[in-house]
Amino acid sequence: MIITYDDQVYGIGENGYNANILAMGGRYYRCDKVDRPVKVEGLSGKQIQTISLGVMVGAALDDVGHLYWWGLDVEYKDGIKMPELAIHNENYRFSSVSCGHSMIAAILTDSTVHVWGCISKKSYYTWDQKKVTCPENQSVVRIINVSCGYSHIAAVTEQGEVHTWGCGDHGAMIVVRDTSSEEKTSSKENTSSQFSSHLEEKLQIIKDLIEDINQDIKNLDGR
């Protein structure tokens, strides 16, 4: 989607019957593809500053932080939403927005993250606004950046921490693995292996000595 200097928004490319992701209206409503820039009436003239497109939903922020959304209506099967305000409350102003497959994550001006939609097909959520909290203590975390993947979300806190949640298939979410126990196990295995090898050497020496003694005894008997 394209934002022009004269406050117009245009869409071009894949649109999709099931999503109308370019927010097309009129004869282009739910068309599969738009081969040339077509004006998006629902977003033009609204001082749009930022647009984010997912697979089934799209979102935009205007110059004062109002959040608009459109696309697949997750609460109604085969329902399509044209651009509308996500929250009808002047006190809610957003500074950043990102879309995934069927969800929207946005940062409020108080640095908290709010999420709408469905993160994965396995877990269905109604189109309700949810404030994100830290799972360790359920405290509200202050966020400076947020980004959605296909079915997961990553957020950066003021302290520089990265929090991820959602679907982690195919390495979508980075999980830091504690390798200390593995290193200890590996160390034990190495020590055990070294001990076994040393013991085998000693046993072989003893066997050789026994064979030598037996041979000496045979030699004495022969005499």
C-alpha atoms as a PDB file:
ATOM      1  CA  MET A   1       0.000   0.000   0.000  1.00  0.00           C
ATOM      2  CA  ILE A   2       1.133   3.543  -0.811  1.00  0.00           C
ATOM      3  CA  ILE A   3       0.692   6.792   1.147  1.00  0.00           C
ATOM      4  CA  THR A   4       1.018   9.959  -0.946  1.00  0.00           C
ATOM      5  CA  TYR A   5       2.019  13.486   0.080  1.00  0.00           C
ATOM      6  CA  ASP A   6      -1.521  14.717  -0.487  1.00  0.00           C
ATOM      7  CA  ASP A   7      -2.971  12.346   2.144  1.00  0.00           C
ATOM      8  CA  GLN A   8      -4.197   9.634  -0.217  1.00  0.00           C
ATOM      9  CA  VAL A   9      -3.736   5.883   0.197  1.00  0.00           C
ATOM     10  CA  TYR A  10      -3.494   3.468  -2.734  1.00  0.00           C
ATOM     11  CA  GLY A  11      -3.369  -0.311  -2.919  1.00  0.00           C
ATOM     12  CA  ILE A  12      -1.721  -2.524  -5.525  1.00  0.00           C
ATOM     13  CA  GLY A  13      -0.913  -6.239  -5.774  1.00  0.00           C
ATOM     14  CA  GLU A  14      -2.483  -9.321  -4.184  1.00  0.00           C
ATOM     15  CA  ASN A  15      -5.781  -8.581  -2.428  1.00  0.00           C
ATOM     16  CA  GLY A  16      -7.598 -11.891  -1.852  1.00  0.00           C
ATOM     17  CA  TYR A  17     -11.267 -12.712  -1.673  1.00  0.00           C
ATOM     18  CA  ASN A  18     -10.987 -14.065   1.874  1.00  0.00           C
ATOM     19  CA  ALA A  19      -9.225 -11.024   3.312  1.00  0.00           C
ATOM     20  CA  ASN A  20      -9.601  -7.976   1.034  1.00  0.00           C
ATOM     21  CA  ILE A  21      -6.223  -7.108   2.535  1.00  0.00           C
ATOM     22  CA  LEU A  22      -5.852  -3.938   0.437  1.00  0.00           C
ATOM     23  CA  ALA A  23      -9.169  -2.620   1.799  1.00  0.00           C
ATOM     24  CA  MET A  24     -10.558  -2.347  -1.708  1.00  0.00           C
ATOM     25  CA  GLY A  25     -14.065  -0.991  -2.218  1.00  0.00           C
ATOM     26  CA  GLY A  26     -16.488  -0.650  -5.126  1.00  0.00           C
ATOM     27  CA  ARG A  27     -15.862  -2.966  -8.062  1.00  0.00           C
ATOM     28  CA  TYR A  28     -12.521  -4.028  -6.588  1.00  0.00           C
ATOM     29  CA  TYR A  29     -14.063  -5.278  -3.333  1.00  0.00           C
ATOM     30  CA  ARG A  30     -12.634  -8.750  -2.510  1.00  0.00           C
ATOM     31  CA  CYS A  31     -10.948  -9.010  -5.907  1.00  0.00           C
ATOM     32  CA  ASP A  32      -7.992 -11.404  -6.148  1.00  0.00           C
ATOM     33  CA  LYS A  33      -5.459  -8.910  -7.436  1.00  0.00           C
ATOM     34  CA  VAL A  34      -5.063  -5.228  -8.291  1.00  0.00           C
ATOM     35  CA  ASP A  35      -2.681  -4.624 -11.211  1.00  0.00           C
ATOM     36  CA  ARG A  36      -2.493  -0.846 -10.839  1.00  0.00           C
ATOM     37  CA  PRO A  37      -2.715   1.575  -7.872  1.00  0.00           C
ATOM     38  CA  VAL A  38      -6.336   1.926  -6.738  1.00  0.00           C
ATOM     39  CA  LYS A  39      -7.398   4.539  -4.183  1.00  0.00           C
ATOM     40  CA  VAL A  40      -8.409   3.228  -0.759  1.00  0.00           C
ATOM     41  CA  GLU A  41     -11.325   5.443   0.190  1.00  0.00           C
ATOM     42  CA  GLY A  42     -11.496   4.152   3.751  1.00  0.00           C
ATOM     43  CA  LEU A  43      -7.965   5.361   4.555  1.00  0.00           C
ATOM     44  CA  SER A  44      -7.539   8.389   2.295  1.00  0.00           C
ATOM     45  CA  GLY A  45      -7.924  11.828   3.866  1.00  0.00           C
ATOM     46  CA  LYS A  46      -7.262  10.509   7.376  1.00  0.00           C
ATOM     47  CA  GLN A  47      -3.631  11.624   7.793  1.00  0.00           C
ATOM     48  CA  ILE A  48      -2.392   8.011   7.768  1.00  0.00           C
ATOM     49  CA  GLN A  49       1.280   7.779   8.747  1.00  0.00           C
ATOM     50  CA  THR A  50       1.954   4.046   9.104  1.00  0.00           C
ATOM     51  CA  ILE A  51       0.479   0.929   7.478  1.00  0.00           C
ATOM     52  CA  SER A  52       1.118  -2.714   8.338  1.00  0.00           C
ATOM     53  CA  LEU A  53      -0.239  -5.646   6.322  1.00  0.00           C
ATOM     54  CA  GLY A  54      -0.501  -9.196   7.571  1.00  0.00           C
ATOM     55  CA  VAL A  55      -2.019 -12.096   5.649  1.00  0.00           C
ATOM     56  CA  MET A  56      -5.651 -11.738   6.694  1.00  0.00           C
ATOM     57  CA  VAL A  57      -5.676  -8.369   8.508  1.00  0.00           C
ATOM     58  CA  GLY A  58      -4.196  -4.927   8.014  1.00  0.00           C
ATOM     59  CA  ALA A  59      -3.749  -1.928  10.305  1.00  0.00           C
ATOM     60  CA  ALA A  60      -2.798   1.738  10.119  1.00  0.00           C
ATOM     61  CA  LEU A  61      -2.013   4.665  12.434  1.00  0.00           C
ATOM     62  CA  ASP A  62      -2.933   8.273  11.759  1.00  0.00           C
ATOM     63  CA  ASP A  63      -0.962  11.355  12.814  1.00  0.00           C
ATOM     64  CA  VAL A  64      -2.415  11.425  16.348  1.00  0.00           C
ATOM     65  CA  GLY A  65      -2.143   7.692  17.030  1.00  0.00           C
ATOM     66  CA  HIS A  66      -5.621   6.453  16.183  1.00  0.00           C
ATOM     67  CA  LEU A  67      -5.567   2.790  15.164  1.00  0.00           C
ATOM     68  CA  TYR A  68      -7.534   1.575  12.121  1.00  0.00           C
ATOM     69  CA  TRP A  69      -7.913  -2.044  11.079  1.00  0.00           C
ATOM     70  CA  TRP A  70      -9.521  -4.058   8.258  1.00  0.00           C
ATOM     71  CA  GLY A  71      -9.589  -7.513   6.657  1.00  0.00           C
ATOM     72  CA  LEU A  72     -10.922 -10.840   7.905  1.00  0.00           C
ATOM     73  CA  ASP A  73     -13.380 -10.495  10.777  1.00  0.00           C
ATOM     74  CA  VAL A  74     -12.282 -13.332  13.067  1.00  0.00           C
ATOM     75  CA  GLU A  75     -15.543 -13.276  15.007  1.00  0.00           C
ATOM     76  CA  TYR A  76     -17.759 -13.873  12.004  1.00  0.00           C
ATOM     77  CA  LYS A  77     -17.071 -16.611   9.440  1.00  0.00           C
ATOM     78  CA  ASP A  78     -16.284 -15.170   5.995  1.00  0.00           C
ATOM     79  CA  GLY A  79     -16.864 -11.670   7.367  1.00  0.00           C
ATOM     80  CA  ILE A  80     -14.837  -8.795   5.919  1.00  0.00           C
ATOM     81  CA  LYS A  81     -14.191  -5.491   7.676  1.00  0.00           C
ATOM     82  CA  MET A  82     -13.494  -2.275   5.839  1.00  0.00           C
ATOM     83  CA  PRO A  83     -11.154   0.223   7.583  1.00  0.00           C
ATOM     84  CA  GLU A  84     -12.540   1.300  10.951  1.00  0.00           C
ATOM     85  CA  LEU A  85     -11.231   2.447  14.326  1.00  0.00           C
ATOM     86  CA  ALA A  86     -10.105  -0.404  16.550  1.00  0.00           C
ATOM     87  CA  ILE A  87     -10.936   1.616  19.679  1.00  0.00           C
ATOM     88  CA  HIS A  88     -13.504   4.394  19.880  1.00  0.00           C
ATOM     89  CA  ASN A  89     -11.780   6.166  22.738  1.00  0.00           C
ATOM     90  CA  GLU A  90      -9.809   9.388  22.327  1.00  0.00           C
ATOM     91  CA  ASN A  91      -7.610   8.504  25.296  1.00  0.00           C
ATOM     92  CA  TYR A  92      -6.103   5.549  23.436  1.00  0.00           C
ATOM     93  CA  ARG A  93      -3.223   6.670  21.219  1.00  0.00           C
ATOM     94  CA  PHE A  94      -0.751   4.254  19.661  1.00  0.00           C
ATOM     95  CA  SER A  95       2.850   4.816  18.570  1.00  0.00           C
ATOM     96  CA  SER A  96       3.555   1.605  16.625  1.00  0.00           C
ATOM     97  CA  VAL A  97       1.640  -1.267  15.000  1.00  0.00           C
ATOM     98  CA  SER A  98       2.478  -4.613  13.401  1.00  0.00           C
ATOM     99  CA  CYS A  99       0.328  -7.342  11.817  1.00  0.00           C
ATOM    100  CA  GLY A 100       0.762 -11.102  11.694  1.00  0.00           C
ATOM    101  CA  HIS A 101      -1.396 -13.666   9.919  1.00  0.00           C
ATOM    102  CA  SER A 102      -4.631 -12.889  11.758  1.00  0.00           C
ATOM    103  CA  MET A 103      -3.537 -10.659  14.627  1.00  0.00           C
ATOM    104  CA  ILE A 104      -2.531  -7.077  15.313  1.00  0.00           C
ATOM    105  CA  ALA A 105      -0.087  -5.883  17.985  1.00  0.00           C
ATOM    106  CA  ALA A 106       0.181  -2.181  18.797  1.00  0.00           C
ATOM    107  CA  ILE A 107       2.132  -0.118  21.323  1.00  0.00           C
ATOM    108  CA  LEU A 108       0.104   2.360  23.329  1.00  0.00           C
ATOM    109  CA  THR A 109       1.689   5.710  24.190  1.00  0.00           C
ATOM    110  CA  ASP A 110       2.191   4.434  27.758  1.00  0.00           C
ATOM    111  CA  SER A 111       4.569   1.784  26.297  1.00  0.00           C
ATOM    112  CA  THR A 112       2.233  -1.170  26.875  1.00  0.00           C
ATOM    113  CA  VAL A 113       1.430  -3.669  24.117  1.00  0.00           C
ATOM    114  CA  HIS A 114      -2.137  -4.529  23.135  1.00  0.00           C
ATOM    115  CA  VAL A 115      -3.068  -7.445  20.883  1.00  0.00           C
ATOM    116  CA  TRP A 116      -6.201  -8.291  18.898  1.00  0.00           C
ATOM    117  CA  GLY A 117      -7.095 -11.367  16.888  1.00  0.00           C
ATOM    118  CA  CYS A 118      -5.970 -14.949  16.567  1.00  0.00           C
ATOM    119  CA  ILE A 119      -2.289 -15.898  16.946  1.00  0.00           C
ATOM    120  CA  SER A 120      -2.686 -19.430  15.596  1.00  0.00           C
ATOM    121  CA  LYS A 121      -5.316 -21.728  14.141  1.00  0.00           C
ATOM    122  CA  LYS A 122      -5.022 -23.928  17.215  1.00  0.00           C
ATOM    123  CA  SER A 123      -6.063 -21.130  19.567  1.00  0.00           C
ATOM    124  CA  TYR A 124      -9.040 -18.959  18.674  1.00  0.00           C
ATOM    125  CA  TYR A 125      -9.400 -15.526  20.207  1.00  0.00           C
ATOM    126  CA  THR A 126     -12.293 -13.142  19.867  1.00  0.00           C
ATOM    127  CA  TRP A 127     -11.469  -9.709  18.537  1.00  0.00           C
ATOM    128  CA  ASP A 128     -10.843  -8.290  21.998  1.00  0.00           C
ATOM    129  CA  GLN A 129      -8.110  -5.965  23.097  1.00  0.00           C
ATOM    130  CA  LYS A 130      -5.657  -7.700  25.425  1.00  0.00           C
ATOM    131  CA  LYS A 131      -2.923  -5.955  27.404  1.00  0.00           C
ATOM    132  CA  VAL A 132       0.295  -7.987  27.412  1.00  0.00           C
ATOM    133  CA  THR A 133       1.819  -8.777  30.808  1.00  0.00           C
ATOM    134  CA  CYS A 134       5.045 -10.433  31.853  1.00  0.00           C
ATOM    135  CA  PRO A 135       4.284 -14.152  32.451  1.00  0.00           C
ATOM    136  CA  GLU A 136       6.754 -14.403  35.351  1.00  0.00           C
ATOM    137  CA  ASN A 137       4.887 -12.007  37.643  1.00  0.00           C
ATOM    138  CA  GLN A 138       1.949 -10.733  35.562  1.00  0.00           C
ATOM    139  CA  SER A 139       3.334  -7.207  35.785  1.00  0.00           C
ATOM    140  CA  VAL A 140       2.836  -4.797  32.899  1.00  0.00           C
ATOM    141  CA  VAL A 141       6.002  -4.446  30.805  1.00  0.00           C
ATOM    142  CA  ARG A 142       7.021  -1.212  29.079  1.00  0.00           C
ATOM    143  CA  ILE A 143       7.698  -1.908  25.399  1.00  0.00           C
ATOM    144  CA  ILE A 144       9.642   0.181  22.888  1.00  0.00           C
ATOM    145  CA  ASN A 145       9.222  -1.998  19.783  1.00  0.00           C
ATOM    146  CA  VAL A 146       6.956  -4.814  18.610  1.00  0.00           C
ATOM    147  CA  SER A 147       6.942  -6.991  15.507  1.00  0.00           C
ATOM    148  CA  CYS A 148       4.609  -9.784  14.374  1.00  0.00           C
ATOM    149  CA  GLY A 149       5.595 -12.866  12.446  1.00  0.00           C
ATOM    150  CA  TYR A 150       3.181 -15.254  10.769  1.00  0.00           C
ATOM    151  CA  SER A 151       1.881 -16.609  14.076  1.00  0.00           C
ATOM    152  CA  HIS A 152       4.112 -15.177  16.789  1.00  0.00           C
ATOM    153  CA  ILE A 153       5.000 -11.806  18.288  1.00  0.00           C
ATOM    154  CA  ALA A 154       8.298 -10.349  19.486  1.00  0.00           C
ATOM    155  CA  ALA A 155       8.567  -7.307  21.735  1.00  0.00           C
ATOM    156  CA  VAL A 156      11.563  -5.321  23.000  1.00  0.00           C
ATOM    157  CA  THR A 157      11.395  -3.825  26.506  1.00  0.00           C
ATOM    158  CA  GLU A 158      12.991  -0.641  27.829  1.00  0.00           C
ATOM    159  CA  GLN A 159      15.601  -2.838  29.520  1.00  0.00           C
ATOM    160  CA  GLY A 160      16.615  -4.344  26.171  1.00  0.00           C
ATOM    161  CA  GLU A 161      14.946  -7.694  26.827  1.00  0.00           C
ATOM    162  CA  VAL A 162      13.190  -9.521  23.990  1.00  0.00           C
ATOM    163  CA  HIS A 163       9.944 -11.332  24.806  1.00  0.00           C
ATOM    164  CA  THR A 164       8.326 -13.703  22.305  1.00  0.00           C
ATOM    165  CA  TRP A 165       5.066 -15.610  22.402  1.00  0.00           C
ATOM    166  CA  GLY A 166       2.807 -17.478  20.009  1.00  0.00           C
ATOM    167  CA  CYS A 167       3.565 -20.427  17.750  1.00  0.00           C
ATOM    168  CA  GLY A 168       7.226 -21.500  17.682  1.00  0.00           C
ATOM    169  CA  ASP A 169       7.112 -23.914  14.741  1.00  0.00           C
ATOM    170  CA  HIS A 170      10.138 -24.019  12.402  1.00  0.00           C
ATOM    171  CA  GLY A 171      12.285 -21.943  14.762  1.00  0.00           C
ATOM    172  CA  ALA A 172       9.995 -18.931  14.528  1.00  0.00           C
ATOM    173  CA  MET A 173      10.768 -17.960  18.123  1.00  0.00           C
ATOM    174  CA  ILE A 174      14.339 -17.904  19.424  1.00  0.00           C
ATOM    175  CA  VAL A 175      14.610 -19.944  22.613  1.00  0.00           C
ATOM    176  CA  VAL A 176      17.838 -19.671  24.604  1.00  0.00           C
ATOM    177  CA  ARG A 177      18.689 -23.161  25.827  1.00  0.00           C
ATOM    178  CA  ASP A 178      20.451 -23.687  29.137  1.00  0.00           C
ATOM    179  CA  THR A 179      23.423 -25.857  28.165  1.00  0.00           C
ATOM    180  CA  SER A 180      25.049 -25.953  31.600  1.00  0.00           C
ATOM    181  CA  SER A 181      23.484 -29.331  32.462  1.00  0.00           C
ATOM    182  CA  GLU A 182      24.466 -30.664  29.039  1.00  0.00           C
ATOM    183  CA  GLU A 183      28.050 -29.491  29.581  1.00  0.00           C
ATOM    184  CA  LYS A 184      28.123 -31.181  32.982  1.00  0.00           C
ATOM    185  CA  THR A 185      26.773 -34.380  31.472  1.00  0.00           C
ATOM    186  CA  SER A 186      29.294 -34.166  28.640  1.00  0.00           C
ATOM    187  CA  SER A 187      32.091 -33.602  31.150  1.00  0.00           C
ATOM    188  CA  LYS A 188      31.011 -36.643  33.163  1.00  0.00           C
ATOM    189  CA  GLU A 189      30.848 -38.737  30.008  1.00  0.00           C
ATOM    190  CA  ASN A 190      34.347 -37.622  28.967  1.00  0.00           C
ATOM    191  CA  THR A 191      35.747 -38.398  32.442  1.00  0.00           C
ATOM    192  CA  SER A 192      34.093 -41.820  32.429  1.00  0.00           C
ATOM    193  CA  SER A 193      35.422 -42.548  28.964  1.00  0.00           C
ATOM    194  CA  GLN A 194      38.965 -41.551  29.966  1.00  0.00           C
ATOM    195  CA  PHE A 195      38.784 -43.715  33.093  1.00  0.00           C
ATOM    196  CA  SER A 196      37.561 -46.721  31.091  1.00  0.00           C
ATOM    197  CA  SER A 197      40.355 -46.300  28.568  1.00  0.00           C
ATOM    198  CA  HIS A 198      42.963 -46.049  31.332  1.00  0.00           C
ATOM    199  CA  LEU A 199      41.548 -49.137  33.061  1.00  0.00           C
ATOM    200  CA  GLU A 200      41.676 -51.149  29.848  1.00  0.00           C
ATOM    201  CA  GLU A 201      45.336 -50.242  29.391  1.00  0.00           C
ATOM    202  CA  LYS A 202      46.146 -51.400  32.922  1.00  0.00           C
ATOM    203  CA  LEU A 203      44.236 -54.664  32.448  1.00  0.00           C
ATOM    204  CA  GLN A 204      46.108 -55.352  29.237  1.00  0.00           C
ATOM    205  CA  ILE A 205      49.428 -54.812  31.010  1.00  0.00           C
ATOM    206  CA  ILE A 206      48.360 -57.247  33.733  1.00  0.00           C
ATOM    207  CA  LYS A 207      47.322 -59.830  31.111  1.00  0.00           C
ATOM    208  CA  ASP A 208      50.687 -59.484  29.384  1.00  0.00           C
ATOM    209  CA  LEU A 209      52.507 -59.978  32.695  1.00  0.00           C
ATOM    210  CA  ILE A 210      50.444 -63.078  33.467  1.00  0.00           C
ATOM    211  CA  GLU A 211      51.256 -64.524  30.046  1.00  0.00           C
ATOM    212  CA  ASP A 212      54.971 -63.839  30.587  1.00  0.00           C
ATOM    213  CA  ILE A 213      54.874 -65.524  34.010  1.00  0.00           C
ATOM    214  CA  ASN A 214      53.074 -68.552  32.564  1.00  0.00           C
ATOM    215  CA  GLN A 215      55.646 -68.794  29.807  1.00  0.00           C
ATOM    216  CA  ASP A 216      58.481 -68.627  32.320  1.00  0.00           C
ATOM    217  CA  ILE A 217      56.859 -71.431  34.353  1.00  0.00           C
ATOM    218  CA  LYS A 218      56.602 -73.597  31.230  1.00  0.00           C
ATOM    219  CA  ASN A 219      60.229 -72.947  30.435  1.00  0.00           C
ATOM    220  CA  LEU A 220      61.267 -73.998  33.961  1.00  0.00           C
ATOM    221  CA  ASP A 221      59.182 -77.184  33.760  1.00  0.00           C
ATOM    222  CA  GLY A 222      60.837 -78.029  30.465  1.00  0.00           C
ATOM    223  CA  ARG A 223      64.209 -77.905  32.051  1.00  0.00           C
END
